Amino acid sequence: MDLKLNHEEARARIKAAAESSLAPDFGAAFLASVIVTSLGLLLNNWPLIVVGVILSPSLSVFLHLSFDLARFDWSAALRSFCKILVIFSATALIGFLTGFIFHPAGIYPTAVLNFYPTLGALVATTIMIGFVVFLWLSNSVSEKVMAIVFQLILILPILAATISLDALDWLSAAFALQLFIINFVLIILVPLIIIYFLLFYSSVRN
């Protein structure tokens, strides 16, 4: 496994991955992934959740936002943030619709929606994000691995929050929303630090 990080290659990888999120097949794969994951949460079915997570397409637009912020390109960062808002809005809408359809039938999630954030989990999440992003930038793991990680720590809490709101479970919704906000900050901040110091700082030294 080659852990050397070439800043030009890493920049190209970030740009190409972010542009792929605009492709038509991204929308179809993303919708399929979120719908299956949402059903898994509703039915308390972890195998179904795993399938939904595996179906996730690249979510590297988050990395592109970190890249834009690291080089102080505010207009590009705003465009990346707008793309992220579309992703989050679509996820929340699917979660609401899924709950709206299934809750009248008496289907309410229980144990799977326990998304209470703990300090240990946040530390582990920070380390995991940093490790996976660095490995991806150094071309040591596939983009699919990063997509799965991003799906787990961002999309699942959004779905948990919206499904809980549908069920009028305010406490679970609050915990899930809190976890989502924390994870979103981490998933932007940790790559930003890595990109700044390993790409820009290394390019200055070279």
Protein backbone atom coordinates (compact mmCIF):
# COMPACT_ATOMS: atom_id res chain seq x y z
CA MET A 1 0.00 0.00 0.00
CA ASP A 2 1.52 3.30 -1.11
CA LEU A 3 0.78 6.05 1.39
CA LYS A 4 2.71 8.78 -0.44
CA LEU A 5 0.54 11.78 -1.21
CA ASN A 6 1.13 13.64 -4.46
CA HIS A 7 -0.68 16.96 -4.12
CA GLU A 8 -1.33 17.39 -7.85
CA GLU A 9 -2.81 13.91 -8.18
CA ALA A 10 -4.91 14.44 -5.05
CA ARG A 11 -6.26 17.73 -6.40
CA ALA A 12 -7.18 16.00 -9.65
CA ARG A 13 -8.92 13.19 -7.74
CA ILE A 14 -10.99 15.64 -5.71
CA LYS A 15 -12.03 17.62 -8.78
CA ALA A 16 -12.91 14.53 -10.86
CA ALA A 17 -14.87 12.95 -8.00
CA ALA A 18 -16.84 16.12 -7.32
CA GLU A 19 -17.72 16.52 -10.99
CA SER A 20 -18.95 12.92 -11.11
CA SER A 21 -21.62 13.87 -8.57
CA LEU A 22 -23.28 15.88 -11.34
CA ALA A 23 -23.68 12.86 -13.61
CA PRO A 24 -27.24 11.54 -14.23
CA ASP A 25 -26.41 8.11 -12.80
CA PHE A 26 -25.48 9.74 -9.49
CA GLY A 27 -29.08 10.81 -8.84
CA ALA A 28 -30.49 7.35 -9.55
CA ALA A 29 -27.91 5.58 -7.39
CA PHE A 30 -28.35 8.09 -4.58
CA LEU A 31 -32.15 7.80 -4.55
CA ALA A 32 -31.97 4.00 -4.56
CA SER A 33 -29.46 4.04 -1.72
CA VAL A 34 -31.47 6.45 0.45
CA ILE A 35 -34.79 4.68 -0.14
CA VAL A 36 -33.37 1.25 0.76
CA THR A 37 -31.60 2.69 3.83
CA SER A 38 -34.79 4.46 4.92
CA LEU A 39 -36.79 1.24 4.64
CA GLY A 40 -34.12 -0.56 6.66
CA LEU A 41 -34.44 2.01 9.44
CA LEU A 42 -38.22 1.77 9.45
CA LEU A 43 -38.24 -2.02 9.56
CA ASN A 44 -35.36 -2.26 12.07
CA ASN A 45 -33.59 -4.35 9.46
CA TRP A 46 -29.80 -4.00 9.58
CA PRO A 47 -29.14 -6.17 6.47
CA LEU A 48 -31.36 -3.80 4.48
CA ILE A 49 -29.51 -0.81 5.92
CA VAL A 50 -26.20 -2.38 4.92
CA VAL A 51 -27.46 -2.89 1.36
CA GLY A 52 -28.59 0.73 1.19
CA VAL A 53 -25.21 1.96 2.43
CA ILE A 54 -23.34 -0.20 -0.08
CA LEU A 55 -25.48 1.22 -2.90
CA SER A 56 -24.33 4.74 -2.02
CA PRO A 57 -22.62 6.63 -4.86
CA SER A 58 -19.69 8.98 -4.36
CA LEU A 59 -20.37 11.79 -1.89
CA SER A 60 -17.01 13.45 -2.50
CA VAL A 61 -18.69 16.81 -3.04
CA PHE A 62 -18.05 17.20 0.71
CA LEU A 63 -14.33 16.90 0.02
CA HIS A 64 -14.65 19.46 -2.74
CA LEU A 65 -16.15 21.91 -0.25
CA SER A 66 -13.19 21.34 2.07
CA PHE A 67 -10.86 21.82 -0.90
CA ASP A 68 -12.55 25.11 -1.85
CA LEU A 69 -12.38 26.38 1.73
CA ALA A 70 -8.72 25.39 2.05
CA ARG A 71 -7.82 27.56 -0.94
CA PHE A 72 -10.21 30.35 0.13
CA ASP A 73 -12.27 30.10 -3.04
CA TRP A 74 -15.54 31.34 -1.54
CA SER A 75 -17.62 31.30 -4.75
CA ALA A 76 -16.65 27.68 -5.47
CA ALA A 77 -17.29 26.80 -1.83
CA LEU A 78 -20.77 28.30 -2.09
CA ARG A 79 -21.51 26.21 -5.19
CA SER A 80 -20.32 23.06 -3.41
CA PHE A 81 -22.42 23.93 -0.37
CA CYS A 82 -25.51 24.36 -2.56
CA LYS A 83 -24.96 20.88 -4.02
CA ILE A 84 -24.70 19.51 -0.49
CA LEU A 85 -27.94 21.24 0.49
CA VAL A 86 -29.69 19.51 -2.44
CA ILE A 87 -28.38 16.14 -1.21
CA PHE A 88 -29.52 16.80 2.36
CA SER A 89 -32.92 18.10 1.25
CA ALA A 90 -33.55 15.06 -0.94
CA THR A 91 -32.55 12.75 1.92
CA ALA A 92 -34.85 14.51 4.40
CA LEU A 93 -37.74 14.46 1.94
CA ILE A 94 -37.35 10.73 1.33
CA GLY A 95 -37.24 10.13 5.09
CA PHE A 96 -40.46 12.13 5.62
CA LEU A 97 -42.25 10.40 2.74
CA THR A 98 -41.19 6.94 3.87
CA GLY A 99 -42.46 7.58 7.39
CA PHE A 100 -45.65 9.16 6.07
CA ILE A 101 -46.38 6.05 4.00
CA PHE A 102 -45.48 3.39 6.57
CA HIS A 103 -46.49 4.88 9.91
CA PRO A 104 -50.25 4.70 9.19
CA ALA A 105 -49.76 0.95 8.77
CA GLY A 106 -48.45 0.74 12.31
CA ILE A 107 -44.77 0.43 11.36
CA TYR A 108 -42.61 2.45 13.76
CA PRO A 109 -38.84 2.15 14.14
CA THR A 110 -37.44 1.50 17.60
CA ALA A 111 -33.93 0.32 18.46
CA VAL A 112 -32.26 1.20 15.16
CA LEU A 113 -32.94 4.91 15.66
CA ASN A 114 -30.82 5.17 18.81
CA PHE A 115 -28.41 7.84 17.51
CA TYR A 116 -27.41 9.39 20.83
CA PRO A 117 -24.00 11.06 20.29
CA THR A 118 -21.27 10.10 22.77
CA LEU A 119 -17.75 11.47 23.16
CA GLY A 120 -16.19 8.11 22.35
CA ALA A 121 -18.23 7.82 19.16
CA LEU A 122 -17.26 11.34 18.08
CA VAL A 123 -13.56 10.68 18.64
CA ALA A 124 -13.83 7.42 16.68
CA THR A 125 -15.71 9.24 13.89
CA THR A 126 -13.02 11.92 13.67
CA ILE A 127 -10.25 9.34 13.43
CA MET A 128 -12.19 7.30 10.86
CA ILE A 129 -12.85 10.33 8.65
CA GLY A 130 -9.22 11.43 8.75
CA PHE A 131 -7.90 7.93 8.07
CA VAL A 132 -10.26 7.18 5.16
CA VAL A 133 -9.81 10.60 3.52
CA PHE A 134 -6.03 10.36 3.71
CA LEU A 135 -6.05 6.83 2.27
CA TRP A 136 -8.34 7.95 -0.55
CA LEU A 137 -6.23 11.00 -1.35
CA SER A 138 -3.13 8.79 -1.46
CA ASN A 139 -4.98 6.42 -3.82
CA SER A 140 -4.78 3.57 -1.29
CA VAL A 141 -8.52 2.83 -1.04
CA SER A 142 -11.34 3.07 -3.55
CA GLU A 143 -13.86 5.89 -3.68
CA LYS A 144 -16.54 3.34 -2.69
CA VAL A 145 -15.04 3.00 0.78
CA MET A 146 -15.25 6.74 1.33
CA ALA A 147 -18.83 6.81 0.00
CA ILE A 148 -19.86 4.14 2.52
CA VAL A 149 -18.27 6.04 5.41
CA PHE A 150 -19.94 9.31 4.40
CA GLN A 151 -23.29 7.56 4.03
CA LEU A 152 -23.03 6.04 7.50
CA ILE A 153 -22.14 9.21 9.36
CA LEU A 154 -24.30 11.73 7.45
CA ILE A 155 -27.22 10.14 5.63
CA LEU A 156 -28.26 7.74 8.41
CA PRO A 157 -28.69 10.50 11.04
CA ILE A 158 -30.76 12.63 8.62
CA LEU A 159 -33.07 9.72 7.88
CA ALA A 160 -33.29 8.84 11.57
CA ALA A 161 -34.23 12.44 12.43
CA THR A 162 -36.93 12.79 9.77
CA ILE A 163 -38.45 9.36 10.41
CA SER A 164 -38.52 10.11 14.14
CA LEU A 165 -40.24 13.44 13.47
CA ASP A 166 -42.88 11.60 11.45
CA ALA A 167 -43.47 9.35 14.46
CA LEU A 168 -43.58 12.38 16.80
CA ASP A 169 -40.56 10.99 18.65
CA TRP A 170 -39.01 14.37 19.42
CA LEU A 171 -36.18 13.09 21.62
CA SER A 172 -34.85 10.61 19.05
CA ALA A 173 -35.17 13.26 16.35
CA ALA A 174 -33.22 15.79 18.45
CA PHE A 175 -30.42 13.29 19.16
CA ALA A 176 -30.17 12.28 15.49
CA LEU A 177 -30.16 15.91 14.34
CA GLN A 178 -27.49 16.79 16.88
CA LEU A 179 -25.34 13.89 15.69
CA PHE A 180 -25.84 14.93 12.06
CA ILE A 181 -24.73 18.51 12.74
CA ILE A 182 -21.62 17.35 14.62
CA ASN A 183 -20.73 14.81 11.93
CA PHE A 184 -21.25 17.39 9.17
CA VAL A 185 -18.83 19.79 10.86
CA LEU A 186 -16.31 16.96 11.29
CA ILE A 187 -16.62 15.77 7.71
CA ILE A 188 -15.83 19.27 6.43
CA LEU A 189 -13.26 20.29 9.04
CA VAL A 190 -11.13 17.12 9.17
CA PRO A 191 -10.59 16.88 5.38
CA LEU A 192 -9.99 20.65 5.28
CA ILE A 193 -7.11 20.29 7.72
CA ILE A 194 -5.71 17.29 5.85
CA ILE A 195 -6.01 18.97 2.45
CA TYR A 196 -4.47 22.22 3.67
CA PHE A 197 -1.44 20.72 5.37
CA LEU A 198 -0.80 17.74 3.10
CA LEU A 199 -1.56 19.40 -0.23
CA PHE A 200 -0.92 23.11 0.04
CA TYR A 201 1.79 23.04 2.70
CA SER A 202 3.65 20.26 0.87
CA SER A 203 3.40 22.19 -2.42
CA VAL A 204 4.96 25.25 -0.74
CA ARG A 205 7.81 23.18 0.64
CA ASN A 206 8.43 21.61 -2.75
